[in-house]
Amino acid sequence: MMRRLAGLILALLLALGSPVAAFAQVIVSFHGHAGTQVRGGFLYFPHAYVRFTGTVEETGEPVDEAWGFTAANPGPQLLFASGPGELSRPDARYLSEAIDYAAMPISDDTYHAMQARLNHWRAGPGARYNLNRRNCITFVAEMARMAGLQTPRENTLSPNGFLKDMAELNAPLIAQVRSREKLRE
């Protein structure tokens, strides 16, 4: 009798969307890096990127990866012309120094669609970098829209300004997500 009752309670909790079920989900988060630091002989510029963490519900596959779109060959030539771009993976230290602006749980279908879209940014015409029209901001904006967020105009060269404005546009939704995360802690 107790075993049957426990099974019924577990089924009810899962049907109601208990915190246990909520953990098996991918979260996409949006981050900015202030930049202007010299480390190892490299100058870090302001930059925006997305991070995927959590678990794919249908497979149980753990996810923890971050991507940003940047110029493959940074330099003053990009002030006047487009050049090759690339998706880059920030290292752990870079991730730890970033500003976290927003986070959203996404469905498995949205996660897979976003992963497929990364391929567009990796190759062919999608991998073209332009400081004013196709940069880390336009990359993050596209990922945010795929996650269901509103985005401000992208005609800025301030990744953190863009992300701050995006967080403000989506403040009620982001606050709701953050409050659910705190309940799970």
C-alpha atoms as a PDB file:
ATOM      1  CA  MET A   1       0.000   0.000   0.000  1.00  0.00           C
ATOM      2  CA  MET A   2       2.797   2.461   0.908  1.00  0.00           C
ATOM      3  CA  ARG A   3       4.670   1.669  -2.305  1.00  0.00           C
ATOM      4  CA  ARG A   4       1.549   2.349  -4.335  1.00  0.00           C
ATOM      5  CA  LEU A   5       0.949   5.636  -2.491  1.00  0.00           C
ATOM      6  CA  ALA A   6       4.574   6.734  -3.026  1.00  0.00           C
ATOM      7  CA  GLY A   7       4.285   5.966  -6.752  1.00  0.00           C
ATOM      8  CA  LEU A   8       1.085   7.972  -6.969  1.00  0.00           C
ATOM      9  CA  ILE A   9       2.650  10.960  -5.184  1.00  0.00           C
ATOM     10  CA  LEU A  10       5.716  10.836  -7.465  1.00  0.00           C
ATOM     11  CA  ALA A  11       3.521  10.705 -10.571  1.00  0.00           C
ATOM     12  CA  LEU A  12       1.478  13.649  -9.291  1.00  0.00           C
ATOM     13  CA  LEU A  13       4.590  15.735  -8.583  1.00  0.00           C
ATOM     14  CA  LEU A  14       6.000  15.037 -12.031  1.00  0.00           C
ATOM     15  CA  ALA A  15       2.679  15.911 -13.664  1.00  0.00           C
ATOM     16  CA  LEU A  16       2.574  19.205 -11.783  1.00  0.00           C
ATOM     17  CA  GLY A  17       6.070  20.159 -12.903  1.00  0.00           C
ATOM     18  CA  SER A  18       7.940  19.624  -9.682  1.00  0.00           C
ATOM     19  CA  PRO A  19      11.441  21.059  -9.170  1.00  0.00           C
ATOM     20  CA  VAL A  20      12.820  17.554  -9.765  1.00  0.00           C
ATOM     21  CA  ALA A  21      11.447  17.582 -13.312  1.00  0.00           C
ATOM     22  CA  ALA A  22      12.597  21.177 -13.870  1.00  0.00           C
ATOM     23  CA  PHE A  23      16.252  20.262 -13.371  1.00  0.00           C
ATOM     24  CA  ALA A  24      16.239  18.162 -16.536  1.00  0.00           C
ATOM     25  CA  GLN A  25      16.265  21.136 -18.862  1.00  0.00           C
ATOM     26  CA  VAL A  26      18.704  23.229 -20.839  1.00  0.00           C
ATOM     27  CA  ILE A  27      19.163  26.846 -19.759  1.00  0.00           C
ATOM     28  CA  VAL A  28      20.497  29.392 -22.236  1.00  0.00           C
ATOM     29  CA  SER A  29      22.139  32.401 -20.636  1.00  0.00           C
ATOM     30  CA  PHE A  30      23.461  35.625 -22.096  1.00  0.00           C
ATOM     31  CA  HIS A  31      26.707  37.156 -20.893  1.00  0.00           C
ATOM     32  CA  GLY A  32      28.898  40.179 -21.510  1.00  0.00           C
ATOM     33  CA  HIS A  33      32.575  40.661 -20.873  1.00  0.00           C
ATOM     34  CA  ALA A  34      33.823  44.128 -20.110  1.00  0.00           C
ATOM     35  CA  GLY A  35      37.130  43.508 -21.849  1.00  0.00           C
ATOM     36  CA  THR A  36      39.942  46.043 -21.999  1.00  0.00           C
ATOM     37  CA  GLN A  37      42.209  43.729 -20.036  1.00  0.00           C
ATOM     38  CA  VAL A  38      45.615  42.628 -21.163  1.00  0.00           C
ATOM     39  CA  ARG A  39      46.270  39.021 -20.289  1.00  0.00           C
ATOM     40  CA  GLY A  40      49.053  36.905 -21.741  1.00  0.00           C
ATOM     41  CA  GLY A  41      49.886  39.615 -24.248  1.00  0.00           C
ATOM     42  CA  PHE A  42      46.309  39.745 -25.594  1.00  0.00           C
ATOM     43  CA  LEU A  43      43.949  42.681 -25.224  1.00  0.00           C
ATOM     44  CA  TYR A  44      40.422  41.516 -24.412  1.00  0.00           C
ATOM     45  CA  PHE A  45      37.723  43.620 -26.023  1.00  0.00           C
ATOM     46  CA  PRO A  46      34.131  43.906 -24.838  1.00  0.00           C
ATOM     47  CA  HIS A  47      32.311  40.815 -25.970  1.00  0.00           C
ATOM     48  CA  ALA A  48      28.932  39.065 -25.747  1.00  0.00           C
ATOM     49  CA  TYR A  49      28.270  35.331 -25.790  1.00  0.00           C
ATOM     50  CA  VAL A  50      25.695  32.653 -24.994  1.00  0.00           C
ATOM     51  CA  ARG A  51      26.049  29.703 -22.671  1.00  0.00           C
ATOM     52  CA  PHE A  52      24.059  26.480 -22.602  1.00  0.00           C
ATOM     53  CA  THR A  53      23.914  24.516 -19.329  1.00  0.00           C
ATOM     54  CA  GLY A  54      21.708  21.787 -17.919  1.00  0.00           C
ATOM     55  CA  THR A  55      20.415  18.538 -19.316  1.00  0.00           C
ATOM     56  CA  VAL A  56      18.642  17.623 -22.543  1.00  0.00           C
ATOM     57  CA  GLU A  57      15.339  16.192 -21.294  1.00  0.00           C
ATOM     58  CA  GLU A  58      14.817  13.559 -23.988  1.00  0.00           C
ATOM     59  CA  THR A  59      18.291  12.004 -23.729  1.00  0.00           C
ATOM     60  CA  GLY A  60      19.629  12.999 -20.319  1.00  0.00           C
ATOM     61  CA  GLU A  61      22.736  14.401 -22.055  1.00  0.00           C
ATOM     62  CA  PRO A  62      24.519  16.969 -19.872  1.00  0.00           C
ATOM     63  CA  VAL A  63      25.199  20.333 -21.521  1.00  0.00           C
ATOM     64  CA  ASP A  64      27.781  22.973 -20.596  1.00  0.00           C
ATOM     65  CA  GLU A  65      29.131  25.041 -23.467  1.00  0.00           C
ATOM     66  CA  ALA A  66      29.527  28.699 -24.356  1.00  0.00           C
ATOM     67  CA  TRP A  67      29.908  30.408 -27.736  1.00  0.00           C
ATOM     68  CA  GLY A  68      30.689  33.875 -28.968  1.00  0.00           C
ATOM     69  CA  PHE A  69      31.126  35.148 -32.516  1.00  0.00           C
ATOM     70  CA  THR A  70      34.266  37.130 -33.213  1.00  0.00           C
ATOM     71  CA  ALA A  71      36.705  38.104 -35.932  1.00  0.00           C
ATOM     72  CA  ALA A  72      39.105  35.331 -36.904  1.00  0.00           C
ATOM     73  CA  ASN A  73      41.825  37.955 -37.534  1.00  0.00           C
ATOM     74  CA  PRO A  74      41.182  40.988 -35.310  1.00  0.00           C
ATOM     75  CA  GLY A  75      42.827  44.202 -36.383  1.00  0.00           C
ATOM     76  CA  PRO A  76      42.294  47.711 -37.693  1.00  0.00           C
ATOM     77  CA  GLN A  77      41.329  46.373 -41.141  1.00  0.00           C
ATOM     78  CA  LEU A  78      37.926  45.506 -39.661  1.00  0.00           C
ATOM     79  CA  LEU A  79      37.158  49.210 -39.321  1.00  0.00           C
ATOM     80  CA  PHE A  80      36.895  49.329 -43.126  1.00  0.00           C
ATOM     81  CA  ALA A  81      36.109  45.819 -44.384  1.00  0.00           C
ATOM     82  CA  SER A  82      34.514  42.515 -43.462  1.00  0.00           C
ATOM     83  CA  GLY A  83      36.674  39.528 -42.686  1.00  0.00           C
ATOM     84  CA  PRO A  84      36.461  35.892 -41.670  1.00  0.00           C
ATOM     85  CA  GLY A  85      34.596  35.274 -38.440  1.00  0.00           C
ATOM     86  CA  GLU A  86      34.559  32.333 -36.066  1.00  0.00           C
ATOM     87  CA  LEU A  87      32.663  30.924 -33.153  1.00  0.00           C
ATOM     88  CA  SER A  88      34.919  30.849 -30.133  1.00  0.00           C
ATOM     89  CA  ARG A  89      34.580  29.089 -26.795  1.00  0.00           C
ATOM     90  CA  PRO A  90      35.466  31.241 -23.796  1.00  0.00           C
ATOM     91  CA  ASP A  91      37.720  29.573 -21.240  1.00  0.00           C
ATOM     92  CA  ALA A  92      36.727  29.059 -17.589  1.00  0.00           C
ATOM     93  CA  ARG A  93      38.471  32.207 -16.350  1.00  0.00           C
ATOM     94  CA  TYR A  94      36.838  34.359 -19.028  1.00  0.00           C
ATOM     95  CA  LEU A  95      33.450  32.858 -18.123  1.00  0.00           C
ATOM     96  CA  SER A  96      33.977  33.572 -14.426  1.00  0.00           C
ATOM     97  CA  GLU A  97      34.729  37.253 -15.112  1.00  0.00           C
ATOM     98  CA  ALA A  98      31.605  37.845 -17.208  1.00  0.00           C
ATOM     99  CA  ILE A  99      28.432  39.730 -16.385  1.00  0.00           C
ATOM    100  CA  ASP A 100      25.361  37.482 -16.422  1.00  0.00           C
ATOM    101  CA  TYR A 101      22.455  39.429 -17.949  1.00  0.00           C
ATOM    102  CA  ALA A 102      19.701  36.896 -18.590  1.00  0.00           C
ATOM    103  CA  ALA A 103      18.864  33.197 -18.466  1.00  0.00           C
ATOM    104  CA  MET A 104      15.987  31.236 -19.967  1.00  0.00           C
ATOM    105  CA  PRO A 105      14.972  27.588 -19.853  1.00  0.00           C
ATOM    106  CA  ILE A 106      14.471  26.302 -23.387  1.00  0.00           C
ATOM    107  CA  SER A 107      12.822  23.214 -24.811  1.00  0.00           C
ATOM    108  CA  ASP A 108      14.825  20.413 -26.351  1.00  0.00           C
ATOM    109  CA  ASP A 109      13.498  21.472 -29.770  1.00  0.00           C
ATOM    110  CA  THR A 110      14.711  25.040 -29.252  1.00  0.00           C
ATOM    111  CA  TYR A 111      18.090  23.794 -28.012  1.00  0.00           C
ATOM    112  CA  HIS A 112      18.505  21.614 -31.116  1.00  0.00           C
ATOM    113  CA  ALA A 113      17.429  24.499 -33.393  1.00  0.00           C
ATOM    114  CA  MET A 114      19.960  26.800 -31.731  1.00  0.00           C
ATOM    115  CA  GLN A 115      22.688  24.170 -32.078  1.00  0.00           C
ATOM    116  CA  ALA A 116      21.855  23.815 -35.786  1.00  0.00           C
ATOM    117  CA  ARG A 117      22.009  27.589 -36.199  1.00  0.00           C
ATOM    118  CA  LEU A 118      25.514  27.601 -34.713  1.00  0.00           C
ATOM    119  CA  ASN A 119      26.589  25.741 -37.860  1.00  0.00           C
ATOM    120  CA  HIS A 120      25.491  28.726 -39.969  1.00  0.00           C
ATOM    121  CA  TRP A 121      27.774  30.978 -37.922  1.00  0.00           C
ATOM    122  CA  ARG A 122      30.665  28.503 -38.285  1.00  0.00           C
ATOM    123  CA  ALA A 123      30.828  28.171 -42.066  1.00  0.00           C
ATOM    124  CA  GLY A 124      30.138  29.751 -45.424  1.00  0.00           C
ATOM    125  CA  PRO A 125      28.589  33.195 -45.713  1.00  0.00           C
ATOM    126  CA  GLY A 126      27.432  32.952 -42.080  1.00  0.00           C
ATOM    127  CA  ALA A 127      31.029  33.015 -40.880  1.00  0.00           C
ATOM    128  CA  ARG A 128      31.662  36.510 -42.236  1.00  0.00           C
ATOM    129  CA  TYR A 129      32.495  39.105 -39.558  1.00  0.00           C
ATOM    130  CA  ASN A 130      31.622  42.780 -39.929  1.00  0.00           C
ATOM    131  CA  LEU A 131      32.258  45.137 -37.028  1.00  0.00           C
ATOM    132  CA  ASN A 132      29.093  47.162 -37.726  1.00  0.00           C
ATOM    133  CA  ARG A 133      26.644  44.576 -39.075  1.00  0.00           C
ATOM    134  CA  ARG A 134      27.643  41.018 -38.118  1.00  0.00           C
ATOM    135  CA  ASN A 135      29.443  40.729 -34.809  1.00  0.00           C
ATOM    136  CA  CYS A 136      29.047  39.228 -31.330  1.00  0.00           C
ATOM    137  CA  ILE A 137      25.969  41.396 -30.739  1.00  0.00           C
ATOM    138  CA  THR A 138      24.119  40.219 -33.843  1.00  0.00           C
ATOM    139  CA  PHE A 139      25.021  36.619 -32.935  1.00  0.00           C
ATOM    140  CA  VAL A 140      23.694  36.943 -29.371  1.00  0.00           C
ATOM    141  CA  ALA A 141      20.600  38.799 -30.619  1.00  0.00           C
ATOM    142  CA  GLU A 142      19.735  35.961 -32.988  1.00  0.00           C
ATOM    143  CA  MET A 143      20.180  33.365 -30.238  1.00  0.00           C
ATOM    144  CA  ALA A 144      18.036  35.460 -27.858  1.00  0.00           C
ATOM    145  CA  ARG A 145      15.206  35.716 -30.386  1.00  0.00           C
ATOM    146  CA  MET A 146      15.358  31.951 -30.919  1.00  0.00           C
ATOM    147  CA  ALA A 147      14.932  31.547 -27.143  1.00  0.00           C
ATOM    148  CA  GLY A 148      11.849  33.778 -27.255  1.00  0.00           C
ATOM    149  CA  LEU A 149      13.365  36.986 -25.897  1.00  0.00           C
ATOM    150  CA  GLN A 150      12.820  40.481 -27.279  1.00  0.00           C
ATOM    151  CA  THR A 151      15.942  42.291 -28.431  1.00  0.00           C
ATOM    152  CA  PRO A 152      16.769  45.982 -28.770  1.00  0.00           C
ATOM    153  CA  ARG A 153      18.227  47.456 -31.932  1.00  0.00           C
ATOM    154  CA  GLU A 154      21.606  45.959 -32.732  1.00  0.00           C
ATOM    155  CA  ASN A 155      23.234  49.094 -34.139  1.00  0.00           C
ATOM    156  CA  THR A 156      25.628  49.515 -31.243  1.00  0.00           C
ATOM    157  CA  LEU A 157      29.224  48.554 -30.633  1.00  0.00           C
ATOM    158  CA  SER A 158      28.596  48.065 -26.907  1.00  0.00           C
ATOM    159  CA  PRO A 159      27.914  44.391 -26.142  1.00  0.00           C
ATOM    160  CA  ASN A 160      27.178  45.152 -22.490  1.00  0.00           C
ATOM    161  CA  GLY A 161      24.914  48.070 -23.418  1.00  0.00           C
ATOM    162  CA  PHE A 162      22.986  45.811 -25.782  1.00  0.00           C
ATOM    163  CA  LEU A 163      22.687  43.040 -23.167  1.00  0.00           C
ATOM    164  CA  LYS A 164      21.611  45.487 -20.460  1.00  0.00           C
ATOM    165  CA  ASP A 165      18.879  46.856 -22.752  1.00  0.00           C
ATOM    166  CA  MET A 166      17.826  43.309 -23.666  1.00  0.00           C
ATOM    167  CA  ALA A 167      17.575  42.361 -19.973  1.00  0.00           C
ATOM    168  CA  GLU A 168      15.424  45.458 -19.321  1.00  0.00           C
ATOM    169  CA  LEU A 169      13.118  44.628 -22.261  1.00  0.00           C
ATOM    170  CA  ASN A 170      12.595  41.148 -20.843  1.00  0.00           C
ATOM    171  CA  ALA A 171      12.715  42.037 -17.132  1.00  0.00           C
ATOM    172  CA  PRO A 172       9.394  40.435 -16.082  1.00  0.00           C
ATOM    173  CA  LEU A 173      10.242  37.163 -17.817  1.00  0.00           C
ATOM    174  CA  ILE A 174      13.830  37.097 -16.529  1.00  0.00           C
ATOM    175  CA  ALA A 175      12.657  37.867 -12.964  1.00  0.00           C
ATOM    176  CA  GLN A 176      10.171  35.000 -13.176  1.00  0.00           C
ATOM    177  CA  VAL A 177      12.892  32.589 -14.329  1.00  0.00           C
ATOM    178  CA  ARG A 178      15.330  33.755 -11.637  1.00  0.00           C
ATOM    179  CA  SER A 179      12.723  33.391  -8.894  1.00  0.00           C
ATOM    180  CA  ARG A 180      12.029  29.800 -10.014  1.00  0.00           C
ATOM    181  CA  GLU A 181      15.786  29.096  -9.920  1.00  0.00           C
ATOM    182  CA  LYS A 182      16.007  30.425  -6.347  1.00  0.00           C
ATOM    183  CA  LEU A 183      13.143  28.143  -5.282  1.00  0.00           C
ATOM    184  CA  ARG A 184      15.116  25.144  -6.539  1.00  0.00           C
ATOM    185  CA  GLU A 185      18.233  26.055  -4.525  1.00  0.00           C
END
